[in-house]
């Protein structure tokens, strides 16, 4: 078991185990994107550079697929992604807009308890 569990494994249900696997996979995909991106920046050979760009972009696809799985399968992801993705407002102002009832991709509602 290579996943990292912070609680006793036998107390974690199958859904939470799958979520942990998805999170670990997402971290690995993001790390691979970073590795390829750094290598693209320093590659001297144009053909090698193009190959690594292709590989990097494939990893982006994989990360996006896992993120979509998390959106569908873990509470909270859908609202957060709807609030922040594909918007044009300054990222750091979106939460304030939602709290104030401004428009965004999400519902614009808040419990006024801030981010925990």
N, C-alpha and C. Protein backbone atom coordinates (compact mmCIF):
# COMPACT_ATOMS: atom_id res chain seq x y z
N UNK A 1 0.83 -1.18 0.00
CA UNK A 1 0.00 0.00 0.00
C UNK A 1 0.88 1.25 0.00
N UNK A 2 0.97 1.92 -1.12
CA UNK A 2 1.84 3.09 -1.20
C UNK A 2 1.10 4.38 -0.89
N UNK A 3 -0.24 4.34 -0.79
CA UNK A 3 -0.98 5.54 -0.44
C UNK A 3 -0.64 5.93 1.00
N UNK A 4 -0.74 7.20 1.27
CA UNK A 4 -0.47 7.68 2.62
C UNK A 4 -1.82 7.89 3.31
N UNK A 5 -2.01 7.16 4.39
CA UNK A 5 -3.23 7.30 5.17
C UNK A 5 -2.88 7.91 6.51
N UNK A 6 -3.67 8.87 6.96
CA UNK A 6 -3.42 9.51 8.25
C UNK A 6 -4.24 8.86 9.35
N UNK A 7 -5.17 8.02 8.97
CA UNK A 7 -6.02 7.32 9.92
C UNK A 7 -5.84 5.82 9.71
N UNK A 8 -6.24 5.00 10.69
CA UNK A 8 -6.09 3.55 10.55
C UNK A 8 -6.78 3.05 9.28
N UNK A 9 -6.04 2.31 8.47
CA UNK A 9 -6.54 1.85 7.17
C UNK A 9 -7.84 1.08 7.30
N UNK A 10 -7.95 0.23 8.33
CA UNK A 10 -9.14 -0.61 8.46
C UNK A 10 -10.39 0.20 8.82
N UNK A 11 -10.23 1.46 9.15
CA UNK A 11 -11.38 2.32 9.47
C UNK A 11 -11.76 3.22 8.29
N UNK A 12 -10.99 3.16 7.23
CA UNK A 12 -11.26 4.00 6.06
C UNK A 12 -12.07 3.18 5.06
N UNK A 13 -13.22 3.71 4.69
CA UNK A 13 -14.10 2.99 3.76
C UNK A 13 -13.55 2.97 2.34
N UNK A 14 -14.14 2.12 1.50
CA UNK A 14 -13.66 1.98 0.12
C UNK A 14 -13.73 3.29 -0.68
N UNK A 15 -14.75 4.11 -0.43
CA UNK A 15 -14.85 5.38 -1.15
C UNK A 15 -13.68 6.30 -0.79
N UNK A 16 -13.36 6.39 0.49
CA UNK A 16 -12.25 7.23 0.93
C UNK A 16 -10.92 6.67 0.44
N UNK A 17 -10.82 5.36 0.34
CA UNK A 17 -9.60 4.75 -0.19
C UNK A 17 -9.42 5.14 -1.66
N UNK A 18 -10.51 5.11 -2.42
CA UNK A 18 -10.43 5.51 -3.82
C UNK A 18 -10.07 6.99 -3.96
N UNK A 19 -10.64 7.81 -3.10
CA UNK A 19 -10.31 9.24 -3.12
C UNK A 19 -8.83 9.44 -2.82
N UNK A 20 -8.30 8.70 -1.86
CA UNK A 20 -6.87 8.80 -1.54
C UNK A 20 -6.02 8.39 -2.75
N UNK A 21 -6.44 7.36 -3.46
CA UNK A 21 -5.72 6.93 -4.66
C UNK A 21 -5.76 8.02 -5.73
N UNK A 22 -6.93 8.64 -5.89
CA UNK A 22 -7.05 9.71 -6.88
C UNK A 22 -6.16 10.90 -6.51
N UNK A 23 -6.16 11.26 -5.23
CA UNK A 23 -5.33 12.38 -4.78
C UNK A 23 -3.85 12.09 -5.02
N UNK A 24 -3.43 10.88 -4.70
CA UNK A 24 -2.03 10.51 -4.92
C UNK A 24 -1.71 10.55 -6.41
N UNK A 25 -2.61 10.05 -7.22
CA UNK A 25 -2.39 10.08 -8.67
C UNK A 25 -2.32 11.51 -9.19
N UNK A 26 -3.18 12.38 -8.68
CA UNK A 26 -3.15 13.78 -9.09
C UNK A 26 -1.82 14.43 -8.73
N UNK A 27 -1.33 14.16 -7.52
CA UNK A 27 -0.02 14.70 -7.12
C UNK A 27 1.07 14.20 -8.06
N UNK A 28 1.02 12.93 -8.43
CA UNK A 28 2.03 12.36 -9.32
C UNK A 28 1.95 12.97 -10.71
N UNK A 29 0.75 13.20 -11.21
CA UNK A 29 0.60 13.83 -12.52
C UNK A 29 1.13 15.26 -12.50
N UNK A 30 0.81 16.00 -11.45
CA UNK A 30 1.30 17.38 -11.34
C UNK A 30 2.82 17.41 -11.25
N UNK A 31 3.38 16.48 -10.52
CA UNK A 31 4.84 16.40 -10.42
C UNK A 31 5.46 16.09 -11.78
N UNK A 32 4.84 15.18 -12.53
CA UNK A 32 5.36 14.83 -13.86
C UNK A 32 5.28 16.05 -14.79
N UNK A 33 4.19 16.80 -14.72
CA UNK A 33 4.06 18.02 -15.52
C UNK A 33 5.21 18.97 -15.21
N UNK A 34 5.49 19.15 -13.93
CA UNK A 34 6.57 20.04 -13.51
C UNK A 34 7.91 19.54 -14.03
N UNK A 35 8.20 18.25 -13.89
CA UNK A 35 9.46 17.70 -14.37
C UNK A 35 9.63 17.94 -15.87
N UNK A 36 8.60 17.58 -16.65
CA UNK A 36 8.69 17.76 -18.10
C UNK A 36 8.83 19.23 -18.46
N UNK A 37 8.09 20.09 -17.76
CA UNK A 37 8.15 21.52 -18.08
C UNK A 37 9.55 22.08 -17.85
N UNK A 38 10.19 21.67 -16.76
CA UNK A 38 11.56 22.12 -16.52
C UNK A 38 12.51 21.60 -17.59
N UNK A 39 12.32 20.36 -17.99
CA UNK A 39 13.19 19.78 -19.02
C UNK A 39 12.99 20.46 -20.36
N UNK A 40 11.76 20.82 -20.69
CA UNK A 40 11.48 21.54 -21.94
C UNK A 40 12.23 22.86 -21.94
N UNK A 41 12.25 23.53 -20.80
CA UNK A 41 12.90 24.83 -20.71
C UNK A 41 14.40 24.75 -20.94
N UNK A 42 15.00 23.60 -20.65
CA UNK A 42 16.46 23.50 -20.73
C UNK A 42 16.96 22.61 -21.88
N UNK A 43 16.04 21.98 -22.60
CA UNK A 43 16.46 21.09 -23.69
C UNK A 43 17.09 21.89 -24.82
N UNK A 44 18.18 21.37 -25.33
CA UNK A 44 18.88 22.03 -26.44
C UNK A 44 18.40 21.49 -27.79
N UNK A 45 18.13 20.20 -27.86
CA UNK A 45 17.72 19.56 -29.11
C UNK A 45 16.25 19.86 -29.38
N UNK A 46 15.91 20.47 -30.53
CA UNK A 46 14.52 20.84 -30.83
C UNK A 46 13.56 19.65 -30.88
N UNK A 47 14.02 18.52 -31.41
CA UNK A 47 13.13 17.35 -31.47
C UNK A 47 12.84 16.81 -30.08
N UNK A 48 13.86 16.73 -29.25
CA UNK A 48 13.67 16.29 -27.87
C UNK A 48 12.73 17.23 -27.13
N UNK A 49 12.90 18.53 -27.36
CA UNK A 49 12.04 19.53 -26.73
C UNK A 49 10.58 19.28 -27.10
N UNK A 50 10.32 19.03 -28.40
CA UNK A 50 8.95 18.76 -28.84
C UNK A 50 8.39 17.49 -28.21
N UNK A 51 9.21 16.46 -28.10
CA UNK A 51 8.77 15.21 -27.47
C UNK A 51 8.37 15.45 -26.01
N UNK A 52 9.20 16.18 -25.30
CA UNK A 52 8.91 16.43 -23.89
C UNK A 52 7.71 17.36 -23.71
N UNK A 53 7.52 18.30 -24.64
CA UNK A 53 6.32 19.13 -24.61
C UNK A 53 5.08 18.26 -24.76
N UNK A 54 5.15 17.31 -25.70
CA UNK A 54 4.04 16.38 -25.91
C UNK A 54 3.77 15.57 -24.63
N UNK A 55 4.83 15.04 -24.03
CA UNK A 55 4.67 14.25 -22.81
C UNK A 55 4.08 15.09 -21.68
N UNK A 56 4.57 16.31 -21.53
CA UNK A 56 4.04 17.22 -20.50
C UNK A 56 2.55 17.44 -20.70
N UNK A 57 2.15 17.68 -21.95
CA UNK A 57 0.75 17.96 -22.22
C UNK A 57 -0.13 16.74 -22.01
N UNK A 58 0.40 15.54 -22.25
CA UNK A 58 -0.33 14.32 -21.95
C UNK A 58 -0.60 14.22 -20.44
N UNK A 59 0.39 14.59 -19.64
CA UNK A 59 0.23 14.55 -18.19
C UNK A 59 -0.83 15.56 -17.75
N UNK A 60 -0.94 16.69 -18.43
CA UNK A 60 -2.00 17.66 -18.12
C UNK A 60 -3.37 17.03 -18.34
N UNK A 61 -3.48 16.28 -19.43
CA UNK A 61 -4.74 15.59 -19.72
C UNK A 61 -5.07 14.62 -18.59
N UNK A 62 -4.09 13.85 -18.16
CA UNK A 62 -4.30 12.88 -17.08
C UNK A 62 -4.74 13.59 -15.80
N UNK A 63 -4.07 14.69 -15.47
CA UNK A 63 -4.42 15.44 -14.26
C UNK A 63 -5.85 15.97 -14.35
N UNK A 64 -6.23 16.47 -15.51
CA UNK A 64 -7.58 17.00 -15.69
C UNK A 64 -8.63 15.89 -15.54
N UNK A 65 -8.32 14.71 -16.04
CA UNK A 65 -9.25 13.59 -15.92
C UNK A 65 -9.44 13.19 -14.45
N UNK A 66 -8.37 13.16 -13.69
CA UNK A 66 -8.47 12.81 -12.28
C UNK A 66 -9.22 13.89 -11.51
N UNK A 67 -8.93 15.15 -11.84
CA UNK A 67 -9.64 16.25 -11.20
C UNK A 67 -11.14 16.15 -11.46
N UNK A 68 -11.51 15.80 -12.67
CA UNK A 68 -12.93 15.62 -12.99
C UNK A 68 -13.53 14.47 -12.20
N UNK A 69 -12.77 13.39 -12.04
CA UNK A 69 -13.27 12.26 -11.23
C UNK A 69 -13.50 12.73 -9.79
N UNK A 70 -12.56 13.50 -9.25
CA UNK A 70 -12.74 14.03 -7.89
C UNK A 70 -13.96 14.93 -7.82
N UNK A 71 -14.16 15.76 -8.82
CA UNK A 71 -15.33 16.65 -8.84
C UNK A 71 -16.62 15.85 -8.75
N UNK A 72 -16.64 14.73 -9.44
CA UNK A 72 -17.84 13.90 -9.47
C UNK A 72 -18.01 13.04 -8.22
N UNK A 73 -16.93 12.77 -7.51
CA UNK A 73 -16.99 11.75 -6.47
C UNK A 73 -16.66 12.22 -5.06
N UNK A 74 -16.21 13.46 -4.88
CA UNK A 74 -15.89 13.95 -3.53
C UNK A 74 -16.62 15.26 -3.28
N UNK A 75 -17.40 15.27 -2.23
CA UNK A 75 -18.18 16.47 -1.89
C UNK A 75 -17.29 17.71 -1.82
N UNK A 76 -17.82 18.80 -2.33
CA UNK A 76 -17.15 20.09 -2.23
C UNK A 76 -16.38 20.51 -3.47
N UNK A 77 -15.84 19.55 -4.21
CA UNK A 77 -15.04 19.90 -5.39
C UNK A 77 -15.87 20.64 -6.44
N UNK A 78 -17.08 20.19 -6.67
CA UNK A 78 -17.90 20.79 -7.72
C UNK A 78 -18.11 22.28 -7.47
N UNK A 79 -18.49 22.64 -6.26
CA UNK A 79 -18.73 24.06 -5.95
C UNK A 79 -17.46 24.89 -6.10
N UNK A 80 -16.35 24.38 -5.55
CA UNK A 80 -15.10 25.14 -5.62
C UNK A 80 -14.63 25.33 -7.06
N UNK A 81 -14.70 24.27 -7.85
CA UNK A 81 -14.25 24.38 -9.24
C UNK A 81 -15.16 25.31 -10.03
N UNK A 82 -16.45 25.25 -9.77
CA UNK A 82 -17.37 26.16 -10.46
C UNK A 82 -17.09 27.61 -10.08
N UNK A 83 -16.68 27.85 -8.85
CA UNK A 83 -16.37 29.21 -8.41
C UNK A 83 -15.11 29.76 -9.07
N UNK A 84 -14.07 28.94 -9.17
CA UNK A 84 -12.75 29.45 -9.54
C UNK A 84 -12.31 29.20 -10.97
N UNK A 85 -12.74 28.11 -11.58
CA UNK A 85 -12.24 27.80 -12.92
C UNK A 85 -12.99 28.59 -13.99
N UNK A 86 -12.28 28.94 -15.03
CA UNK A 86 -12.84 29.59 -16.21
C UNK A 86 -13.53 30.91 -15.90
N UNK A 87 -12.94 31.64 -14.96
CA UNK A 87 -13.44 32.97 -14.62
C UNK A 87 -12.42 34.00 -15.09
N UNK A 88 -12.82 35.25 -15.09
CA UNK A 88 -11.90 36.31 -15.48
C UNK A 88 -11.60 37.26 -14.32
N UNK A 89 -12.36 37.15 -13.23
CA UNK A 89 -12.12 38.00 -12.07
C UNK A 89 -10.77 37.64 -11.45
N UNK A 90 -10.14 38.59 -10.77
CA UNK A 90 -8.90 38.26 -10.05
C UNK A 90 -9.17 37.10 -9.08
N UNK A 91 -8.34 36.09 -9.12
CA UNK A 91 -8.56 34.88 -8.34
C UNK A 91 -8.74 35.17 -6.86
N UNK A 92 -7.95 36.08 -6.34
CA UNK A 92 -8.02 36.36 -4.91
C UNK A 92 -9.25 37.15 -4.51
N UNK A 93 -10.03 37.63 -5.48
CA UNK A 93 -11.23 38.39 -5.17
C UNK A 93 -12.51 37.58 -5.33
N UNK A 94 -12.41 36.38 -5.89
CA UNK A 94 -13.61 35.58 -6.16
C UNK A 94 -14.33 35.22 -4.87
N UNK A 95 -13.60 34.82 -3.85
CA UNK A 95 -14.24 34.46 -2.58
C UNK A 95 -15.01 35.65 -2.01
N UNK A 96 -14.41 36.84 -2.06
CA UNK A 96 -15.10 38.04 -1.56
C UNK A 96 -16.35 38.32 -2.38
N UNK A 97 -16.28 38.12 -3.68
CA UNK A 97 -17.44 38.34 -4.54
C UNK A 97 -18.55 37.37 -4.17
N UNK A 98 -18.20 36.11 -3.91
CA UNK A 98 -19.20 35.12 -3.55
C UNK A 98 -19.83 35.42 -2.20
N UNK A 99 -19.02 35.86 -1.25
CA UNK A 99 -19.52 36.20 0.07
C UNK A 99 -20.47 37.38 0.00
N UNK A 100 -20.14 38.33 -0.89
CA UNK A 100 -20.98 39.51 -1.05
C UNK A 100 -22.17 39.25 -1.96
N UNK A 101 -22.27 38.03 -2.49
CA UNK A 101 -23.39 37.71 -3.37
C UNK A 101 -23.13 38.06 -4.81
N UNK A 102 -21.85 38.33 -5.15
CA UNK A 102 -21.50 38.66 -6.52
C UNK A 102 -21.64 37.44 -7.42
N UNK A 103 -21.51 37.67 -8.69
CA UNK A 103 -21.68 36.58 -9.63
C UNK A 103 -20.37 35.87 -9.89
N UNK A 104 -20.46 34.58 -9.97
CA UNK A 104 -19.32 33.74 -10.35
C UNK A 104 -19.90 32.47 -10.93
N UNK A 105 -19.03 31.50 -11.15
CA UNK A 105 -19.49 30.23 -11.67
C UNK A 105 -20.29 29.46 -10.66
N UNK A 106 -20.11 29.74 -9.36
CA UNK A 106 -20.79 29.00 -8.32
C UNK A 106 -22.07 29.68 -7.90
N UNK A 107 -22.57 29.31 -6.76
CA UNK A 107 -23.85 29.81 -6.30
C UNK A 107 -23.75 31.14 -5.57
N UNK A 108 -22.52 31.55 -5.21
CA UNK A 108 -22.37 32.85 -4.57
C UNK A 108 -22.88 32.89 -3.15
N UNK A 109 -22.92 31.74 -2.47
CA UNK A 109 -23.42 31.69 -1.11
C UNK A 109 -22.27 31.42 -0.16
N UNK A 110 -22.41 31.90 1.07
CA UNK A 110 -21.39 31.67 2.07
C UNK A 110 -22.05 31.52 3.43
N UNK A 111 -21.45 30.74 4.29
CA UNK A 111 -21.92 30.63 5.66
C UNK A 111 -21.29 31.70 6.54
N UNK A 112 -20.48 32.57 5.94
CA UNK A 112 -19.79 33.64 6.64
C UNK A 112 -18.91 33.11 7.78
N UNK A 113 -18.35 31.94 7.59
CA UNK A 113 -17.43 31.42 8.61
C UNK A 113 -16.01 31.39 8.10
N UNK A 114 -15.80 31.87 6.88
CA UNK A 114 -14.46 31.90 6.29
C UNK A 114 -13.99 30.51 5.92
N UNK A 115 -12.80 30.47 5.35
CA UNK A 115 -12.20 29.19 4.98
C UNK A 115 -11.62 28.56 6.23
N UNK A 116 -11.96 27.31 6.45
CA UNK A 116 -11.45 26.61 7.63
C UNK A 116 -10.14 25.98 7.37
